[in-house]
């Protein structure tokens, strides 16, 4: 798999995890013993990112932060999807040229 494809796929995966975690935080904000979730992204030396889900001992409701996380994760998801589409189109063009 090319570096562009793996980088875009890892970005899509981390953005998806951020969306899932923030949605869970919003859905469970009224539960008294719920522990908030947060995804931390780490850049990999080989390219791409890796997400680490962890529980946060935060007090209070952070709905504003969760909504902002959902927006940024959505933008990251779409941006990585566009990179993936462009990479696949470029690969298809190269295959057409060589055929």
N, C-alpha and C. Protein backbone atom coordinates (compact mmCIF):
# COMPACT_ATOMS: atom_id res chain seq x y z
N UNK A 1 0.85 -1.17 0.00
CA UNK A 1 0.00 0.00 0.00
C UNK A 1 0.90 1.23 0.00
N UNK A 2 0.54 2.25 -0.77
CA UNK A 2 1.36 3.45 -0.84
C UNK A 2 1.26 4.25 0.46
N UNK A 3 2.24 5.11 0.64
CA UNK A 3 2.28 5.93 1.85
C UNK A 3 1.08 6.87 1.90
N UNK A 4 0.69 7.44 0.72
CA UNK A 4 -0.46 8.34 0.69
C UNK A 4 -1.75 7.66 1.12
N UNK A 5 -1.94 6.41 0.67
CA UNK A 5 -3.15 5.68 1.06
C UNK A 5 -3.16 5.36 2.54
N UNK A 6 -2.04 4.88 3.07
CA UNK A 6 -2.02 4.51 4.48
C UNK A 6 -2.14 5.73 5.38
N UNK A 7 -1.55 6.84 4.97
CA UNK A 7 -1.66 8.07 5.77
C UNK A 7 -3.11 8.56 5.80
N UNK A 8 -3.76 8.58 4.63
CA UNK A 8 -5.16 9.02 4.58
C UNK A 8 -6.06 8.09 5.37
N UNK A 9 -5.84 6.78 5.24
CA UNK A 9 -6.68 5.82 5.98
C UNK A 9 -6.49 5.95 7.49
N UNK A 10 -5.27 6.18 7.93
CA UNK A 10 -5.05 6.34 9.38
C UNK A 10 -5.70 7.62 9.87
N UNK A 11 -5.67 8.68 9.07
CA UNK A 11 -6.33 9.93 9.44
C UNK A 11 -7.83 9.77 9.53
N UNK A 12 -8.41 9.02 8.58
CA UNK A 12 -9.84 8.74 8.61
C UNK A 12 -10.20 7.95 9.86
N UNK A 13 -9.38 6.99 10.21
CA UNK A 13 -9.64 6.16 11.39
C UNK A 13 -9.63 6.98 12.68
N UNK A 14 -8.63 7.85 12.83
CA UNK A 14 -8.54 8.68 14.04
C UNK A 14 -9.70 9.68 14.09
N UNK A 15 -10.05 10.27 12.96
CA UNK A 15 -11.18 11.20 12.94
C UNK A 15 -12.47 10.48 13.33
N UNK A 16 -12.63 9.26 12.86
CA UNK A 16 -13.81 8.47 13.21
C UNK A 16 -13.85 8.17 14.71
N UNK A 17 -12.70 7.84 15.29
CA UNK A 17 -12.65 7.59 16.74
C UNK A 17 -12.98 8.85 17.53
N UNK A 18 -12.50 10.01 17.07
CA UNK A 18 -12.82 11.27 17.75
C UNK A 18 -14.32 11.57 17.68
N UNK A 19 -14.92 11.32 16.52
CA UNK A 19 -16.37 11.52 16.39
C UNK A 19 -17.13 10.60 17.34
N UNK A 20 -16.72 9.34 17.39
CA UNK A 20 -17.39 8.37 18.25
C UNK A 20 -17.26 8.75 19.73
N UNK A 21 -16.07 9.14 20.14
CA UNK A 21 -15.85 9.49 21.55
C UNK A 21 -16.63 10.74 21.95
N UNK A 22 -16.63 11.77 21.09
CA UNK A 22 -17.36 12.99 21.45
C UNK A 22 -18.87 12.75 21.44
N UNK A 23 -19.35 11.91 20.52
CA UNK A 23 -20.78 11.57 20.52
C UNK A 23 -21.16 10.82 21.79
N UNK A 24 -20.30 9.93 22.22
CA UNK A 24 -20.55 9.19 23.46
C UNK A 24 -20.57 10.14 24.66
N UNK A 25 -19.65 11.10 24.68
CA UNK A 25 -19.61 12.07 25.77
C UNK A 25 -20.90 12.89 25.83
N UNK A 26 -21.38 13.32 24.66
CA UNK A 26 -22.60 14.12 24.62
C UNK A 26 -23.81 13.28 25.04
N UNK A 27 -23.88 12.05 24.53
CA UNK A 27 -25.03 11.18 24.83
C UNK A 27 -25.09 10.81 26.30
N UNK A 28 -23.95 10.68 26.95
CA UNK A 28 -23.91 10.24 28.34
C UNK A 28 -23.63 11.37 29.33
N UNK A 29 -23.78 12.62 28.91
CA UNK A 29 -23.43 13.74 29.78
C UNK A 29 -24.29 13.81 31.04
N UNK A 30 -25.48 13.25 31.01
CA UNK A 30 -26.36 13.29 32.18
C UNK A 30 -26.16 12.13 33.13
N UNK A 31 -25.32 11.16 32.78
CA UNK A 31 -25.08 9.99 33.63
C UNK A 31 -24.07 10.37 34.71
N UNK A 32 -24.40 10.09 35.95
CA UNK A 32 -23.58 10.56 37.06
C UNK A 32 -22.20 9.92 37.14
N UNK A 33 -22.07 8.63 36.85
CA UNK A 33 -20.76 7.98 36.98
C UNK A 33 -20.04 7.78 35.65
N UNK A 34 -20.47 8.49 34.62
CA UNK A 34 -19.85 8.35 33.31
C UNK A 34 -18.49 9.04 33.29
N UNK A 35 -17.51 8.35 32.74
CA UNK A 35 -16.17 8.93 32.58
C UNK A 35 -16.01 9.34 31.12
N UNK A 36 -15.69 10.61 30.93
CA UNK A 36 -15.54 11.14 29.57
C UNK A 36 -14.42 10.43 28.82
N UNK A 37 -14.56 10.38 27.49
CA UNK A 37 -13.55 9.76 26.65
C UNK A 37 -12.85 10.82 25.81
N UNK A 38 -11.59 10.57 25.54
CA UNK A 38 -10.80 11.49 24.72
C UNK A 38 -9.86 10.65 23.86
N UNK A 39 -9.66 11.07 22.61
CA UNK A 39 -8.75 10.38 21.71
C UNK A 39 -7.52 11.26 21.52
N UNK A 40 -6.36 10.69 21.81
CA UNK A 40 -5.10 11.39 21.59
C UNK A 40 -4.44 10.81 20.35
N UNK A 41 -4.05 11.67 19.43
CA UNK A 41 -3.41 11.23 18.19
C UNK A 41 -1.90 11.38 18.30
N UNK A 42 -1.20 10.37 17.80
CA UNK A 42 0.26 10.39 17.79
C UNK A 42 0.72 10.20 16.35
N UNK A 43 1.67 11.01 15.92
CA UNK A 43 2.24 10.88 14.59
C UNK A 43 3.19 9.69 14.56
N UNK A 44 3.06 8.87 13.53
CA UNK A 44 3.93 7.71 13.38
C UNK A 44 5.14 8.06 12.52
N UNK A 45 6.29 7.47 12.82
CA UNK A 45 7.49 7.75 12.05
C UNK A 45 7.34 7.32 10.60
N UNK A 46 6.58 6.27 10.35
CA UNK A 46 6.39 5.76 8.99
C UNK A 46 5.35 6.55 8.21
N UNK A 47 4.74 7.54 8.83
CA UNK A 47 3.70 8.33 8.21
C UNK A 47 2.35 7.98 8.79
N UNK A 48 1.46 8.93 8.80
CA UNK A 48 0.13 8.69 9.34
C UNK A 48 0.05 8.99 10.82
N UNK A 49 -1.08 8.62 11.39
CA UNK A 49 -1.33 8.85 12.81
C UNK A 49 -1.94 7.62 13.45
N UNK A 50 -1.84 7.57 14.76
CA UNK A 50 -2.45 6.49 15.53
C UNK A 50 -3.23 7.13 16.67
N UNK A 51 -4.47 6.70 16.86
CA UNK A 51 -5.30 7.25 17.92
C UNK A 51 -5.31 6.36 19.15
N UNK A 52 -5.28 7.00 20.32
CA UNK A 52 -5.31 6.28 21.59
C UNK A 52 -6.51 6.79 22.38
N UNK A 53 -7.49 5.92 22.61
CA UNK A 53 -8.68 6.28 23.38
C UNK A 53 -8.36 6.13 24.86
N UNK A 54 -8.72 7.15 25.63
CA UNK A 54 -8.50 7.06 27.08
C UNK A 54 -9.66 7.70 27.81
N UNK A 55 -9.84 7.29 29.05
CA UNK A 55 -10.87 7.82 29.92
C UNK A 55 -10.31 9.06 30.62
N UNK A 56 -11.14 10.08 30.75
CA UNK A 56 -10.71 11.33 31.37
C UNK A 56 -11.52 11.54 32.64
N UNK A 57 -10.85 11.89 33.72
CA UNK A 57 -11.54 12.19 34.98
C UNK A 57 -11.86 13.68 35.02
N UNK A 58 -12.77 14.11 34.16
CA UNK A 58 -13.16 15.51 34.09
C UNK A 58 -14.45 15.72 34.87
N UNK A 59 -14.50 16.83 35.56
CA UNK A 59 -15.68 17.19 36.32
C UNK A 59 -16.48 18.20 35.52
N UNK A 60 -17.79 18.03 35.49
CA UNK A 60 -18.65 18.98 34.81
C UNK A 60 -18.95 18.59 33.37
N UNK A 61 -19.82 19.36 32.79
CA UNK A 61 -20.27 19.12 31.42
C UNK A 61 -19.39 19.92 30.46
N UNK A 62 -18.87 19.28 29.45
CA UNK A 62 -18.03 19.94 28.46
C UNK A 62 -18.65 19.79 27.07
N UNK A 63 -19.95 20.06 26.98
CA UNK A 63 -20.66 19.89 25.71
C UNK A 63 -20.09 20.79 24.62
N UNK A 64 -19.67 22.00 24.98
CA UNK A 64 -19.10 22.92 23.98
C UNK A 64 -17.83 22.34 23.38
N UNK A 65 -16.98 21.79 24.22
CA UNK A 65 -15.74 21.18 23.74
C UNK A 65 -16.03 19.96 22.88
N UNK A 66 -17.03 19.18 23.27
CA UNK A 66 -17.39 17.99 22.48
C UNK A 66 -17.96 18.38 21.12
N UNK A 67 -18.75 19.44 21.07
CA UNK A 67 -19.28 19.91 19.79
C UNK A 67 -18.16 20.42 18.89
N UNK A 68 -17.19 21.12 19.47
CA UNK A 68 -16.05 21.60 18.69
C UNK A 68 -15.22 20.42 18.19
N UNK A 69 -15.06 19.40 19.03
CA UNK A 69 -14.33 18.20 18.62
C UNK A 69 -15.04 17.51 17.46
N UNK A 70 -16.37 17.47 17.52
CA UNK A 70 -17.12 16.85 16.42
C UNK A 70 -16.91 17.61 15.12
N UNK A 71 -16.92 18.93 15.17
CA UNK A 71 -16.70 19.73 13.97
C UNK A 71 -15.30 19.50 13.40
N UNK A 72 -14.28 19.58 14.25
CA UNK A 72 -12.91 19.41 13.75
C UNK A 72 -12.68 17.99 13.25
N UNK A 73 -13.25 17.01 13.92
CA UNK A 73 -13.10 15.62 13.48
C UNK A 73 -13.80 15.41 12.14
N UNK A 74 -14.95 16.05 11.95
CA UNK A 74 -15.66 15.95 10.67
C UNK A 74 -14.83 16.56 9.55
N UNK A 75 -14.23 17.72 9.79
CA UNK A 75 -13.38 18.35 8.79
C UNK A 75 -12.16 17.48 8.48
N UNK A 76 -11.56 16.90 9.50
CA UNK A 76 -10.40 16.03 9.30
C UNK A 76 -10.79 14.78 8.51
N UNK A 77 -11.96 14.23 8.82
CA UNK A 77 -12.44 13.05 8.11
C UNK A 77 -12.60 13.35 6.61
N UNK A 78 -13.27 14.46 6.30
CA UNK A 78 -13.51 14.84 4.91
C UNK A 78 -12.19 15.15 4.20
N UNK A 79 -11.28 15.85 4.86
CA UNK A 79 -10.00 16.18 4.25
C UNK A 79 -9.21 14.92 3.92
N UNK A 80 -9.17 13.97 4.84
CA UNK A 80 -8.45 12.72 4.58
C UNK A 80 -9.15 11.89 3.50
N UNK A 81 -10.47 11.96 3.44
CA UNK A 81 -11.20 11.27 2.39
C UNK A 81 -10.86 11.86 1.03
N UNK A 82 -10.73 13.18 0.94
CA UNK A 82 -10.34 13.83 -0.32
C UNK A 82 -8.92 13.43 -0.73
N UNK A 83 -8.02 13.33 0.22
CA UNK A 83 -6.66 12.86 -0.08
C UNK A 83 -6.71 11.44 -0.62
N UNK A 84 -7.50 10.59 0.00
CA UNK A 84 -7.64 9.21 -0.45
C UNK A 84 -8.21 9.16 -1.86
N UNK A 85 -9.25 9.93 -2.14
CA UNK A 85 -9.85 9.96 -3.47
C UNK A 85 -8.85 10.44 -4.52
N UNK A 86 -8.10 11.47 -4.20
CA UNK A 86 -7.10 12.00 -5.13
C UNK A 86 -6.01 10.97 -5.41
N UNK A 87 -5.56 10.29 -4.37
CA UNK A 87 -4.53 9.26 -4.53
C UNK A 87 -5.03 8.12 -5.41
N UNK A 88 -6.27 7.70 -5.21
CA UNK A 88 -6.84 6.63 -6.02
C UNK A 88 -7.03 7.06 -7.47
N UNK A 89 -7.44 8.31 -7.67
CA UNK A 89 -7.58 8.82 -9.03
C UNK A 89 -6.23 8.90 -9.74
N UNK A 90 -5.21 9.35 -9.02
CA UNK A 90 -3.87 9.44 -9.59
C UNK A 90 -3.35 8.05 -9.94
N UNK A 91 -3.59 7.08 -9.09
CA UNK A 91 -3.16 5.70 -9.37
C UNK A 91 -3.87 5.16 -10.60
N UNK A 92 -5.16 5.46 -10.73
CA UNK A 92 -5.92 5.02 -11.90
C UNK A 92 -5.41 5.66 -13.17
N UNK A 93 -5.04 6.93 -13.10
CA UNK A 93 -4.49 7.63 -14.26
C UNK A 93 -3.17 7.01 -14.68
N UNK A 94 -2.33 6.69 -13.70
CA UNK A 94 -1.05 6.04 -14.02
C UNK A 94 -1.26 4.68 -14.66
N UNK A 95 -2.26 3.95 -14.18
CA UNK A 95 -2.55 2.65 -14.78
C UNK A 95 -3.03 2.80 -16.22
N UNK A 96 -3.84 3.85 -16.48
CA UNK A 96 -4.32 4.10 -17.83
C UNK A 96 -3.17 4.46 -18.77
N UNK A 97 -2.21 5.23 -18.29
CA UNK A 97 -1.07 5.65 -19.11
C UNK A 97 -0.22 4.44 -19.48
N UNK A 98 0.01 3.54 -18.53
CA UNK A 98 0.87 2.39 -18.77
C UNK A 98 0.17 1.27 -19.53
N UNK A 99 -1.13 1.27 -19.60
CA UNK A 99 -1.86 0.19 -20.25
C UNK A 99 -1.80 0.25 -21.76
